[in-house]
Amino acid sequence: MCTAAVYKTKDTYFGRNLDYNFSYGEQIVITPRNYPLPFRHTKTINSHYAILGVAYVAPDPNDQEYPLFYDGVNEKGLGMAGLNFVGNAVYQDPTKSTDVDSIAQFEFIPWILSQCASVKEARTLLSRLQLTNVAFSLELPPSDLHWIIADSQECIVVESVVDGLKIHDNPTGILTNNPPFDQQLFSLNNYRHLSATNPENTFAPNIPLTEYSRGMGGIGLPGDLSSSSRFAKAVFTRAHSLCDNDEMSSMSQFFHILHSVDQQRGVCDLGNGRYEITIYTSCYNLKQGICYYTCYDNHQISAIDLKKSDLDGSSLSIFPFINTEQINYQN
């Protein structure tokens, strides 16, 4: 499963843990402004905002490389990520109605990031949207997902469910998986008594109960790897996170937030020798257009800068993940 986060200091940081039991061979991809983006139910967009993100690059039916984005940011500072939403996602059959824009599920991220400079603009497109159940290919059927979209001002969650397309304001800046977001948000009421400071003795004031440890204000905060528990843990961690406003402090703190809910091989056993792990963690500076990342087997932070690429080009720039530990020996 996965966890996504938005964190704001001087700049706004956006990213996610990609938790799964295997990799499709995803890479960091820069899609420049003049790289054609074809869509199954509407016209190709030939000129658009440049996009930096993590994607599996696959050949489409026209033999063009097509970036199937997991998460990304465009040059205007809008970020978007898709997270597993198994059992709740419902997509529509394509329609030729002029009242809606039909977009295949796998096209959703490039459709938004190629055209929208802000969440406000994304809301306008979403008001006419239906996500369709058309597969990218026989080998790549539609994935059950929901999405987090954020800029420096606001954050929303988009869910295509049996009742239609739902858009939720997201004051937490966190998204995991199931249940639907409104239920996740309501579940935080169960933890409203928790605190970053040690609590007063309200249990029995006449009994001399002892503060035997620091951090007792957080007793009851979930620590398991279920999506609802990761949601509560990440919301609490983000809400109380403090750092300086500079880039290194902010980026480092963002990784600390997401690494507080990452998954280690062996503790989420799927059977038959399969284990869910945090394959990568991404962190985008939305303003600067920089993607930082770590991998399960490489904790050194690597970075790719959108603005150092030819944004007016017409070819994808692809950067493989550095997947082996990089150790800085000091003697």
C-alpha atoms as a PDB file:
ATOM      1  CA  MET A   1       0.000   0.000   0.000  1.00  0.00           C
ATOM      2  CA  CYS A   2       1.163   3.639   0.119  1.00  0.00           C
ATOM      3  CA  THR A   3       1.299   6.899   2.051  1.00  0.00           C
ATOM      4  CA  ALA A   4       1.393  10.413   0.521  1.00  0.00           C
ATOM      5  CA  ALA A   5       2.079  13.703   2.267  1.00  0.00           C
ATOM      6  CA  VAL A   6       2.165  17.470   1.808  1.00  0.00           C
ATOM      7  CA  TYR A   7       4.378  19.544   4.127  1.00  0.00           C
ATOM      8  CA  LYS A   8       4.834  23.296   4.067  1.00  0.00           C
ATOM      9  CA  THR A   9       7.678  25.459   5.350  1.00  0.00           C
ATOM     10  CA  LYS A  10       9.043  28.306   3.208  1.00  0.00           C
ATOM     11  CA  ASP A  11       8.276  26.085   0.206  1.00  0.00           C
ATOM     12  CA  THR A  12       5.778  23.252  -0.165  1.00  0.00           C
ATOM     13  CA  TYR A  13       6.915  19.620  -0.296  1.00  0.00           C
ATOM     14  CA  PHE A  14       4.889  16.807  -1.791  1.00  0.00           C
ATOM     15  CA  GLY A  15       5.593  13.109  -2.182  1.00  0.00           C
ATOM     16  CA  ARG A  16       4.852   9.571  -1.205  1.00  0.00           C
ATOM     17  CA  ASN A  17       5.961   6.143  -0.080  1.00  0.00           C
ATOM     18  CA  LEU A  18       5.392   3.553  -2.790  1.00  0.00           C
ATOM     19  CA  ASP A  19       4.673   0.364  -0.834  1.00  0.00           C
ATOM     20  CA  TYR A  20       4.324  -2.830  -2.844  1.00  0.00           C
ATOM     21  CA  ASN A  21       5.700  -6.345  -3.169  1.00  0.00           C
ATOM     22  CA  PHE A  22       7.405  -5.851  -6.548  1.00  0.00           C
ATOM     23  CA  SER A  23       8.542  -3.144  -8.921  1.00  0.00           C
ATOM     24  CA  TYR A  24       7.376  -2.606 -12.497  1.00  0.00           C
ATOM     25  CA  GLY A  25      10.693  -0.943 -13.340  1.00  0.00           C
ATOM     26  CA  GLU A  26       9.563   2.599 -12.589  1.00  0.00           C
ATOM     27  CA  GLN A  27      11.992   5.469 -13.240  1.00  0.00           C
ATOM     28  CA  ILE A  28      12.200   9.224 -12.834  1.00  0.00           C
ATOM     29  CA  VAL A  29      10.811  10.787 -16.012  1.00  0.00           C
ATOM     30  CA  ILE A  30      10.784  14.347 -17.318  1.00  0.00           C
ATOM     31  CA  THR A  31       8.057  14.950 -19.903  1.00  0.00           C
ATOM     32  CA  PRO A  32       8.915  18.222 -21.702  1.00  0.00           C
ATOM     33  CA  ARG A  33       6.399  20.736 -22.979  1.00  0.00           C
ATOM     34  CA  ASN A  34       6.346  19.479 -26.558  1.00  0.00           C
ATOM     35  CA  TYR A  35       6.133  15.737 -25.927  1.00  0.00           C
ATOM     36  CA  PRO A  36       2.735  14.633 -27.344  1.00  0.00           C
ATOM     37  CA  LEU A  37       0.338  13.195 -24.753  1.00  0.00           C
ATOM     38  CA  PRO A  38      -2.355  11.099 -26.499  1.00  0.00           C
ATOM     39  CA  PHE A  39      -5.632  10.316 -24.716  1.00  0.00           C
ATOM     40  CA  ARG A  40      -8.004   7.474 -25.558  1.00  0.00           C
ATOM     41  CA  HIS A  41     -11.257   9.457 -25.569  1.00  0.00           C
ATOM     42  CA  THR A  42     -10.159  12.966 -26.472  1.00  0.00           C
ATOM     43  CA  LYS A  43      -7.579  14.758 -28.574  1.00  0.00           C
ATOM     44  CA  THR A  44      -3.820  14.586 -28.103  1.00  0.00           C
ATOM     45  CA  ILE A  45      -2.232  17.444 -26.166  1.00  0.00           C
ATOM     46  CA  ASN A  46       0.866  18.436 -28.126  1.00  0.00           C
ATOM     47  CA  SER A  47       1.935  21.446 -26.048  1.00  0.00           C
ATOM     48  CA  HIS A  48       1.572  21.476 -22.265  1.00  0.00           C
ATOM     49  CA  TYR A  49       3.268  22.093 -18.930  1.00  0.00           C
ATOM     50  CA  ALA A  50       6.462  20.109 -18.355  1.00  0.00           C
ATOM     51  CA  ILE A  51       6.091  17.245 -15.860  1.00  0.00           C
ATOM     52  CA  LEU A  52       8.633  15.615 -13.541  1.00  0.00           C
ATOM     53  CA  GLY A  53       7.619  12.375 -11.867  1.00  0.00           C
ATOM     54  CA  VAL A  54       7.967   8.674 -11.229  1.00  0.00           C
ATOM     55  CA  ALA A  55       6.546   6.560 -14.042  1.00  0.00           C
ATOM     56  CA  TYR A  56       6.685   3.210 -15.721  1.00  0.00           C
ATOM     57  CA  VAL A  57       7.448   4.011 -19.364  1.00  0.00           C
ATOM     58  CA  ALA A  58       5.548   1.679 -21.676  1.00  0.00           C
ATOM     59  CA  PRO A  59       4.950   1.631 -25.446  1.00  0.00           C
ATOM     60  CA  ASP A  60       1.438   2.777 -26.313  1.00  0.00           C
ATOM     61  CA  PRO A  61      -0.572   1.410 -29.287  1.00  0.00           C
ATOM     62  CA  ASN A  62       1.145   3.970 -31.558  1.00  0.00           C
ATOM     63  CA  ASP A  63       4.591   2.709 -30.440  1.00  0.00           C
ATOM     64  CA  GLN A  64       5.311   5.958 -28.621  1.00  0.00           C
ATOM     65  CA  GLU A  65       6.781   5.782 -25.134  1.00  0.00           C
ATOM     66  CA  TYR A  66       3.988   6.597 -22.685  1.00  0.00           C
ATOM     67  CA  PRO A  67       4.793   7.561 -19.063  1.00  0.00           C
ATOM     68  CA  LEU A  68       2.382   5.804 -16.702  1.00  0.00           C
ATOM     69  CA  PHE A  69       2.824   8.152 -13.763  1.00  0.00           C
ATOM     70  CA  TYR A  70       2.709   7.055 -10.130  1.00  0.00           C
ATOM     71  CA  ASP A  71       3.311  10.598  -8.852  1.00  0.00           C
ATOM     72  CA  GLY A  72       4.679  13.872 -10.169  1.00  0.00           C
ATOM     73  CA  VAL A  73       4.765  17.643 -10.254  1.00  0.00           C
ATOM     74  CA  ASN A  74       4.479  20.096 -13.129  1.00  0.00           C
ATOM     75  CA  GLU A  75       6.519  23.228 -13.764  1.00  0.00           C
ATOM     76  CA  LYS A  76       3.781  25.400 -12.210  1.00  0.00           C
ATOM     77  CA  GLY A  77       4.017  23.694  -8.814  1.00  0.00           C
ATOM     78  CA  LEU A  78       1.034  21.340  -8.885  1.00  0.00           C
ATOM     79  CA  GLY A  79       1.640  17.859  -7.485  1.00  0.00           C
ATOM     80  CA  MET A  80      -0.384  14.662  -7.871  1.00  0.00           C
ATOM     81  CA  ALA A  81      -0.066  11.024  -6.811  1.00  0.00           C
ATOM     82  CA  GLY A  82      -2.177   7.883  -7.214  1.00  0.00           C
ATOM     83  CA  LEU A  83      -2.520   5.432  -4.312  1.00  0.00           C
ATOM     84  CA  ASN A  84      -4.118   2.001  -4.128  1.00  0.00           C
ATOM     85  CA  PHE A  85      -7.840   2.075  -3.401  1.00  0.00           C
ATOM     86  CA  VAL A  86      -8.663  -1.588  -3.924  1.00  0.00           C
ATOM     87  CA  GLY A  87     -12.313  -2.579  -3.668  1.00  0.00           C
ATOM     88  CA  ASN A  88     -13.625   0.983  -3.623  1.00  0.00           C
ATOM     89  CA  ALA A  89     -12.554   2.450  -6.969  1.00  0.00           C
ATOM     90  CA  VAL A  90     -15.282   2.298  -9.642  1.00  0.00           C
ATOM     91  CA  TYR A  91     -14.653   3.537 -13.180  1.00  0.00           C
ATOM     92  CA  GLN A  92     -17.204   4.225 -15.897  1.00  0.00           C
ATOM     93  CA  ASP A  93     -17.771   2.852 -19.370  1.00  0.00           C
ATOM     94  CA  PRO A  94     -16.694   5.412 -21.985  1.00  0.00           C
ATOM     95  CA  THR A  95     -19.394   7.752 -23.198  1.00  0.00           C
ATOM     96  CA  LYS A  96     -19.629  10.089 -26.166  1.00  0.00           C
ATOM     97  CA  SER A  97     -21.628  12.619 -24.172  1.00  0.00           C
ATOM     98  CA  THR A  98     -20.503  16.207 -24.616  1.00  0.00           C
ATOM     99  CA  ASP A  99     -21.424  16.906 -20.971  1.00  0.00           C
ATOM    100  CA  VAL A 100     -18.378  15.084 -19.570  1.00  0.00           C
ATOM    101  CA  ASP A 101     -14.701  14.600 -20.297  1.00  0.00           C
ATOM    102  CA  SER A 102     -13.927  10.879 -20.417  1.00  0.00           C
ATOM    103  CA  ILE A 103     -10.374  10.125 -19.309  1.00  0.00           C
ATOM    104  CA  ALA A 104      -8.947   6.636 -18.837  1.00  0.00           C
ATOM    105  CA  GLN A 105      -7.757   5.940 -15.312  1.00  0.00           C
ATOM    106  CA  PHE A 106      -4.098   5.594 -16.390  1.00  0.00           C
ATOM    107  CA  GLU A 107      -4.230   9.008 -18.119  1.00  0.00           C
ATOM    108  CA  PHE A 108      -5.511  10.947 -15.125  1.00  0.00           C
ATOM    109  CA  ILE A 109      -2.193  12.264 -13.770  1.00  0.00           C
ATOM    110  CA  PRO A 110      -0.841  13.570 -17.116  1.00  0.00           C
ATOM    111  CA  TRP A 111      -4.280  14.960 -18.002  1.00  0.00           C
ATOM    112  CA  ILE A 112      -4.292  17.114 -14.858  1.00  0.00           C
ATOM    113  CA  LEU A 113      -0.588  18.013 -14.659  1.00  0.00           C
ATOM    114  CA  SER A 114      -0.309  18.875 -18.344  1.00  0.00           C
ATOM    115  CA  GLN A 115      -3.067  21.507 -18.154  1.00  0.00           C
ATOM    116  CA  CYS A 116      -3.527  22.786 -14.580  1.00  0.00           C
ATOM    117  CA  ALA A 117      -1.331  25.274 -12.732  1.00  0.00           C
ATOM    118  CA  SER A 118      -3.216  24.985  -9.435  1.00  0.00           C
ATOM    119  CA  VAL A 119      -5.728  22.934  -7.467  1.00  0.00           C
ATOM    120  CA  LYS A 120      -8.287  25.614  -8.309  1.00  0.00           C
ATOM    121  CA  GLU A 121      -7.804  24.952 -12.023  1.00  0.00           C
ATOM    122  CA  ALA A 122      -7.887  21.197 -11.402  1.00  0.00           C
ATOM    123  CA  ARG A 123     -11.279  21.559  -9.703  1.00  0.00           C
ATOM    124  CA  THR A 124     -12.629  23.105 -12.908  1.00  0.00           C
ATOM    125  CA  LEU A 125     -11.538  20.127 -14.998  1.00  0.00           C
ATOM    126  CA  LEU A 126     -12.771  17.704 -12.344  1.00  0.00           C
ATOM    127  CA  SER A 127     -16.267  19.187 -12.515  1.00  0.00           C
ATOM    128  CA  ARG A 128     -16.635  17.653 -16.007  1.00  0.00           C
ATOM    129  CA  LEU A 129     -14.633  14.454 -15.473  1.00  0.00           C
ATOM    130  CA  GLN A 130     -15.479  10.797 -15.551  1.00  0.00           C
ATOM    131  CA  LEU A 131     -12.726   8.217 -15.243  1.00  0.00           C
ATOM    132  CA  THR A 132     -13.165   5.253 -17.557  1.00  0.00           C
ATOM    133  CA  ASN A 133     -12.360   1.572 -17.173  1.00  0.00           C
ATOM    134  CA  VAL A 134     -10.359   1.365 -20.414  1.00  0.00           C
ATOM    135  CA  ALA A 135      -7.115  -0.557 -19.941  1.00  0.00           C
ATOM    136  CA  PHE A 136      -3.756   0.673 -21.161  1.00  0.00           C
ATOM    137  CA  SER A 137      -3.117  -2.811 -22.579  1.00  0.00           C
ATOM    138  CA  LEU A 138      -4.024  -6.441 -21.987  1.00  0.00           C
ATOM    139  CA  GLU A 139      -0.995  -6.734 -19.710  1.00  0.00           C
ATOM    140  CA  LEU A 140      -1.841  -3.537 -17.785  1.00  0.00           C
ATOM    141  CA  PRO A 141      -5.512  -3.466 -16.711  1.00  0.00           C
ATOM    142  CA  PRO A 142      -6.953  -0.504 -14.784  1.00  0.00           C
ATOM    143  CA  SER A 143      -5.611  -0.068 -11.258  1.00  0.00           C
ATOM    144  CA  ASP A 144      -7.920   0.656  -8.325  1.00  0.00           C
ATOM    145  CA  LEU A 145      -6.640   4.070  -7.226  1.00  0.00           C
ATOM    146  CA  HIS A 146      -7.557   7.335  -5.605  1.00  0.00           C
ATOM    147  CA  TRP A 147      -5.497  10.506  -5.915  1.00  0.00           C
ATOM    148  CA  ILE A 148      -4.090  13.361  -3.877  1.00  0.00           C
ATOM    149  CA  ILE A 149      -3.610  16.727  -5.635  1.00  0.00           C
ATOM    150  CA  ALA A 150      -1.839  19.656  -3.976  1.00  0.00           C
ATOM    151  CA  ASP A 151      -0.237  23.033  -4.530  1.00  0.00           C
ATOM    152  CA  SER A 152       1.124  25.609  -2.092  1.00  0.00           C
ATOM    153  CA  GLN A 153      -2.394  26.711  -1.107  1.00  0.00           C
ATOM    154  CA  GLU A 154      -4.636  23.661  -0.850  1.00  0.00           C
ATOM    155  CA  CYS A 155      -4.911  19.897  -1.024  1.00  0.00           C
ATOM    156  CA  ILE A 156      -7.726  17.644  -2.256  1.00  0.00           C
ATOM    157  CA  VAL A 157      -8.439  13.919  -2.639  1.00  0.00           C
ATOM    158  CA  VAL A 158     -10.221  12.568  -5.721  1.00  0.00           C
ATOM    159  CA  GLU A 159     -12.103   9.263  -5.546  1.00  0.00           C
ATOM    160  CA  SER A 160     -14.086   7.605  -8.345  1.00  0.00           C
ATOM    161  CA  VAL A 161     -16.573   5.402  -6.477  1.00  0.00           C
ATOM    162  CA  VAL A 162     -19.936   3.759  -7.053  1.00  0.00           C
ATOM    163  CA  ASP A 163     -21.700   7.082  -6.377  1.00  0.00           C
ATOM    164  CA  GLY A 164     -19.577   8.946  -8.914  1.00  0.00           C
ATOM    165  CA  LEU A 165     -16.565  11.219  -8.669  1.00  0.00           C
ATOM    166  CA  LYS A 166     -15.972  12.586  -5.170  1.00  0.00           C
ATOM    167  CA  ILE A 167     -13.674  15.523  -4.368  1.00  0.00           C
ATOM    168  CA  HIS A 168     -12.673  15.885  -0.712  1.00  0.00           C
ATOM    169  CA  ASP A 169     -10.845  18.818   0.820  1.00  0.00           C
ATOM    170  CA  ASN A 170      -7.850  17.401   2.668  1.00  0.00           C
ATOM    171  CA  PRO A 171      -6.844  19.471   5.724  1.00  0.00           C
ATOM    172  CA  THR A 172      -4.494  16.717   6.949  1.00  0.00           C
ATOM    173  CA  GLY A 173      -2.114  16.771   3.973  1.00  0.00           C
ATOM    174  CA  ILE A 174      -1.957  12.951   4.203  1.00  0.00           C
ATOM    175  CA  LEU A 175      -3.462  10.138   2.141  1.00  0.00           C
ATOM    176  CA  THR A 176      -3.132   6.362   2.487  1.00  0.00           C
ATOM    177  CA  ASN A 177      -5.469   3.698   1.066  1.00  0.00           C
ATOM    178  CA  ASN A 178      -8.728   2.284   2.408  1.00  0.00           C
ATOM    179  CA  PRO A 179     -11.317   3.116   3.641  1.00  0.00           C
ATOM    180  CA  PRO A 180     -12.565   6.124   1.607  1.00  0.00           C
ATOM    181  CA  PHE A 181     -11.075   9.432   2.649  1.00  0.00           C
ATOM    182  CA  ASP A 182     -14.090  10.817   4.482  1.00  0.00           C
ATOM    183  CA  GLN A 183     -14.077   7.740   6.718  1.00  0.00           C
ATOM    184  CA  GLN A 184     -10.337   8.049   7.291  1.00  0.00           C
ATOM    185  CA  LEU A 185     -10.803  11.664   8.292  1.00  0.00           C
ATOM    186  CA  PHE A 186     -13.604  10.798  10.722  1.00  0.00           C
ATOM    187  CA  SER A 187     -11.465   8.089  12.347  1.00  0.00           C
ATOM    188  CA  LEU A 188      -9.066  10.770  13.623  1.00  0.00           C
ATOM    189  CA  ASN A 189     -11.681  11.603  16.255  1.00  0.00           C
ATOM    190  CA  ASN A 190     -10.493   8.461  18.036  1.00  0.00           C
ATOM    191  CA  TYR A 191      -7.107  10.097  18.639  1.00  0.00           C
ATOM    192  CA  ARG A 192      -8.087  13.670  19.541  1.00  0.00           C
ATOM    193  CA  HIS A 193      -6.795  13.184  23.100  1.00  0.00           C
ATOM    194  CA  LEU A 194      -3.217  12.478  21.958  1.00  0.00           C
ATOM    195  CA  SER A 195      -0.488  15.068  22.376  1.00  0.00           C
ATOM    196  CA  ALA A 196       3.176  15.643  21.635  1.00  0.00           C
ATOM    197  CA  THR A 197       3.642  16.581  25.296  1.00  0.00           C
ATOM    198  CA  ASN A 198       3.276  14.358  28.341  1.00  0.00           C
ATOM    199  CA  PRO A 199      -0.298  14.403  29.655  1.00  0.00           C
ATOM    200  CA  GLU A 200      -1.645  15.480  32.997  1.00  0.00           C
ATOM    201  CA  ASN A 201      -3.042  12.783  35.257  1.00  0.00           C
ATOM    202  CA  THR A 202      -6.770  13.027  34.540  1.00  0.00           C
ATOM    203  CA  PHE A 203      -7.269   9.282  35.011  1.00  0.00           C
ATOM    204  CA  ALA A 204      -7.251   9.527  38.821  1.00  0.00           C
ATOM    205  CA  PRO A 205      -5.791  12.789  40.139  1.00  0.00           C
ATOM    206  CA  ASN A 206      -5.774  11.482  43.716  1.00  0.00           C
ATOM    207  CA  ILE A 207      -3.472   8.605  42.729  1.00  0.00           C
ATOM    208  CA  PRO A 208       0.224   9.540  42.371  1.00  0.00           C
ATOM    209  CA  LEU A 209       0.713   8.147  38.852  1.00  0.00           C
ATOM    210  CA  THR A 210       4.234   8.470  37.479  1.00  0.00           C
ATOM    211  CA  GLU A 211       5.553   9.877  34.220  1.00  0.00           C
ATOM    212  CA  TYR A 212       7.954   7.018  33.583  1.00  0.00           C
ATOM    213  CA  SER A 213       8.897   8.000  30.019  1.00  0.00           C
ATOM    214  CA  ARG A 214       8.966  10.826  27.543  1.00  0.00           C
ATOM    215  CA  GLY A 215       6.407  10.619  24.726  1.00  0.00           C
ATOM    216  CA  MET A 216       3.539   9.352  26.874  1.00  0.00           C
ATOM    217  CA  GLY A 217       1.170  11.863  25.257  1.00  0.00           C
ATOM    218  CA  GLY A 218       1.223   9.681  22.167  1.00  0.00           C
ATOM    219  CA  ILE A 219       0.217   6.436  23.898  1.00  0.00           C
ATOM    220  CA  GLY A 220      -2.520   4.907  21.761  1.00  0.00           C
ATOM    221  CA  LEU A 221      -1.141   6.172  18.450  1.00  0.00           C
ATOM    222  CA  PRO A 222      -1.240   3.210  16.018  1.00  0.00           C
ATOM    223  CA  GLY A 223       2.023   1.634  14.972  1.00  0.00           C
ATOM    224  CA  ASP A 224       0.908  -1.163  12.671  1.00  0.00           C
ATOM    225  CA  LEU A 225       1.101  -1.061   8.865  1.00  0.00           C
ATOM    226  CA  SER A 226      -2.612  -1.051   7.996  1.00  0.00           C
ATOM    227  CA  SER A 227      -3.666   1.897   5.859  1.00  0.00           C
ATOM    228  CA  SER A 228      -5.907   3.385   8.563  1.00  0.00           C
ATOM    229  CA  SER A 229      -3.129   3.171  11.146  1.00  0.00           C
ATOM    230  CA  ARG A 230      -0.540   4.652   8.801  1.00  0.00           C
ATOM    231  CA  PHE A 231      -2.965   7.490   8.122  1.00  0.00           C
ATOM    232  CA  ALA A 232      -3.308   8.348  11.835  1.00  0.00           C
ATOM    233  CA  LYS A 233       0.435   7.991  12.477  1.00  0.00           C
ATOM    234  CA  ALA A 234       1.415  10.147   9.499  1.00  0.00           C
ATOM    235  CA  VAL A 235      -1.184  12.841  10.306  1.00  0.00           C
ATOM    236  CA  PHE A 236       0.066  13.045  13.903  1.00  0.00           C
ATOM    237  CA  THR A 237       3.724  13.141  12.831  1.00  0.00           C
ATOM    238  CA  ARG A 238       3.130  15.798  10.176  1.00  0.00           C
ATOM    239  CA  ALA A 239       0.962  17.933  12.476  1.00  0.00           C
ATOM    240  CA  HIS A 240       3.710  18.158  15.103  1.00  0.00           C
ATOM    241  CA  SER A 241       6.764  18.234  12.801  1.00  0.00           C
ATOM    242  CA  LEU A 242       9.109  21.194  13.212  1.00  0.00           C
ATOM    243  CA  CYS A 243      12.130  22.223  11.172  1.00  0.00           C
ATOM    244  CA  ASP A 244      13.939  25.267   9.855  1.00  0.00           C
ATOM    245  CA  ASN A 245      12.688  26.938   6.669  1.00  0.00           C
ATOM    246  CA  ASP A 246      15.755  26.174   4.554  1.00  0.00           C
ATOM    247  CA  GLU A 247      15.737  23.548   1.816  1.00  0.00           C
ATOM    248  CA  MET A 248      17.884  20.916   3.498  1.00  0.00           C
ATOM    249  CA  SER A 249      15.984  21.035   6.799  1.00  0.00           C
ATOM    250  CA  SER A 250      12.582  20.988   5.095  1.00  0.00           C
ATOM    251  CA  MET A 251      13.416  18.194   2.686  1.00  0.00           C
ATOM    252  CA  SER A 252      15.006  16.137   5.467  1.00  0.00           C
ATOM    253  CA  GLN A 253      11.976  16.577   7.714  1.00  0.00           C
ATOM    254  CA  PHE A 254       9.672  15.506   4.900  1.00  0.00           C
ATOM    255  CA  PHE A 255      11.556  12.223   4.603  1.00  0.00           C
ATOM    256  CA  HIS A 256      11.320  11.758   8.372  1.00  0.00           C
ATOM    257  CA  ILE A 257       7.529  12.124   8.171  1.00  0.00           C
ATOM    258  CA  LEU A 258       7.125   9.479   5.486  1.00  0.00           C
ATOM    259  CA  HIS A 259       9.805   7.180   6.892  1.00  0.00           C
ATOM    260  CA  SER A 260       7.833   7.079  10.138  1.00  0.00           C
ATOM    261  CA  VAL A 261       5.341   4.824   8.306  1.00  0.00           C
ATOM    262  CA  ASP A 262       7.592   2.958   5.871  1.00  0.00           C
ATOM    263  CA  GLN A 263       7.477  -0.831   5.561  1.00  0.00           C
ATOM    264  CA  GLN A 264      10.336  -3.234   6.207  1.00  0.00           C
ATOM    265  CA  ARG A 265      10.757  -6.533   4.410  1.00  0.00           C
ATOM    266  CA  GLY A 266       9.315  -9.365   6.431  1.00  0.00           C
ATOM    267  CA  VAL A 267       6.730  -7.554   8.565  1.00  0.00           C
ATOM    268  CA  CYS A 268       3.958  -7.527   5.935  1.00  0.00           C
ATOM    269  CA  ASP A 269       3.850 -11.125   4.722  1.00  0.00           C
ATOM    270  CA  LEU A 270       1.717 -11.697   1.615  1.00  0.00           C
ATOM    271  CA  GLY A 271       2.535 -15.402   1.414  1.00  0.00           C
ATOM    272  CA  ASN A 272       4.574 -17.434  -1.075  1.00  0.00           C
ATOM    273  CA  GLY A 273       7.738 -15.523  -0.233  1.00  0.00           C
ATOM    274  CA  ARG A 274       6.213 -12.131  -1.064  1.00  0.00           C
ATOM    275  CA  TYR A 275       6.598  -9.163   1.269  1.00  0.00           C
ATOM    276  CA  GLU A 276       5.381  -5.606   0.936  1.00  0.00           C
ATOM    277  CA  ILE A 277       8.141  -3.025   1.338  1.00  0.00           C
ATOM    278  CA  THR A 278       8.600   0.697   0.772  1.00  0.00           C
ATOM    279  CA  ILE A 279      10.138   0.519  -2.690  1.00  0.00           C
ATOM    280  CA  TYR A 280      10.841   4.259  -2.851  1.00  0.00           C
ATOM    281  CA  THR A 281      10.039   7.536  -1.129  1.00  0.00           C
ATOM    282  CA  SER A 282       9.687  10.664  -3.263  1.00  0.00           C
ATOM    283  CA  CYS A 283       9.843  14.280  -2.126  1.00  0.00           C
ATOM    284  CA  TYR A 284       9.113  17.119  -4.555  1.00  0.00           C
ATOM    285  CA  ASN A 285       9.776  20.776  -3.889  1.00  0.00           C
ATOM    286  CA  LEU A 286       6.718  22.106  -5.723  1.00  0.00           C
ATOM    287  CA  LYS A 287       8.163  25.580  -6.221  1.00  0.00           C
ATOM    288  CA  GLN A 288      11.649  24.571  -7.332  1.00  0.00           C
ATOM    289  CA  GLY A 289      10.638  21.524  -9.388  1.00  0.00           C
ATOM    290  CA  ILE A 290      13.127  19.178  -7.735  1.00  0.00           C
ATOM    291  CA  CYS A 291      12.458  15.495  -7.061  1.00  0.00           C
ATOM    292  CA  TYR A 292      14.395  13.964  -4.173  1.00  0.00           C
ATOM    293  CA  TYR A 293      14.126  10.251  -3.521  1.00  0.00           C
ATOM    294  CA  THR A 294      15.368   7.309  -1.469  1.00  0.00           C
ATOM    295  CA  CYS A 295      14.935   3.603  -2.202  1.00  0.00           C
ATOM    296  CA  TYR A 296      14.585   0.527  -0.046  1.00  0.00           C
ATOM    297  CA  ASP A 297      18.198  -0.434  -0.658  1.00  0.00           C
ATOM    298  CA  ASN A 298      19.578   3.104  -0.967  1.00  0.00           C
ATOM    299  CA  HIS A 299      18.999   5.549   1.856  1.00  0.00           C
ATOM    300  CA  GLN A 300      21.204   8.260   0.379  1.00  0.00           C
ATOM    301  CA  ILE A 301      19.033  11.062  -0.998  1.00  0.00           C
ATOM    302  CA  SER A 302      19.315  11.562  -4.765  1.00  0.00           C
ATOM    303  CA  ALA A 303      17.802  14.471  -6.705  1.00  0.00           C
ATOM    304  CA  ILE A 304      16.669  15.399 -10.208  1.00  0.00           C
ATOM    305  CA  ASP A 305      15.962  19.022 -11.127  1.00  0.00           C
ATOM    306  CA  LEU A 306      13.219  19.653 -13.679  1.00  0.00           C
ATOM    307  CA  LYS A 307      14.639  23.062 -14.588  1.00  0.00           C
ATOM    308  CA  LYS A 308      18.013  21.600 -15.590  1.00  0.00           C
ATOM    309  CA  SER A 309      16.326  19.752 -18.440  1.00  0.00           C
ATOM    310  CA  ASP A 310      15.350  21.104 -21.865  1.00  0.00           C
ATOM    311  CA  LEU A 311      11.731  21.907 -21.056  1.00  0.00           C
ATOM    312  CA  ASP A 312      10.978  22.864 -24.658  1.00  0.00           C
ATOM    313  CA  GLY A 313      12.191  19.526 -25.975  1.00  0.00           C
ATOM    314  CA  SER A 314      10.116  16.743 -27.492  1.00  0.00           C
ATOM    315  CA  SER A 315      11.749  13.642 -25.980  1.00  0.00           C
ATOM    316  CA  LEU A 316      11.423  12.059 -22.564  1.00  0.00           C
ATOM    317  CA  SER A 317      14.370  12.326 -20.192  1.00  0.00           C
ATOM    318  CA  ILE A 318      14.596   9.130 -18.140  1.00  0.00           C
ATOM    319  CA  PHE A 319      16.653   8.592 -14.984  1.00  0.00           C
ATOM    320  CA  PRO A 320      16.826   5.106 -13.449  1.00  0.00           C
ATOM    321  CA  PHE A 321      16.588   4.854  -9.673  1.00  0.00           C
ATOM    322  CA  ILE A 322      19.888   4.321  -7.878  1.00  0.00           C
ATOM    323  CA  ASN A 323      18.927   1.156  -6.036  1.00  0.00           C
ATOM    324  CA  THR A 324      22.119   0.210  -4.185  1.00  0.00           C
ATOM    325  CA  GLU A 325      23.405   1.764  -0.976  1.00  0.00           C
ATOM    326  CA  GLN A 326      25.801   4.681  -1.401  1.00  0.00           C
ATOM    327  CA  ILE A 327      28.007   4.838   1.690  1.00  0.00           C
ATOM    328  CA  ASN A 328      30.100   7.881   2.557  1.00  0.00           C
ATOM    329  CA  TYR A 329      33.250   6.590   4.254  1.00  0.00           C
ATOM    330  CA  GLN A 330      34.791   9.252   6.488  1.00  0.00           C
ATOM    331  CA  ASN A 331      38.176   7.615   7.124  1.00  0.00           C
END
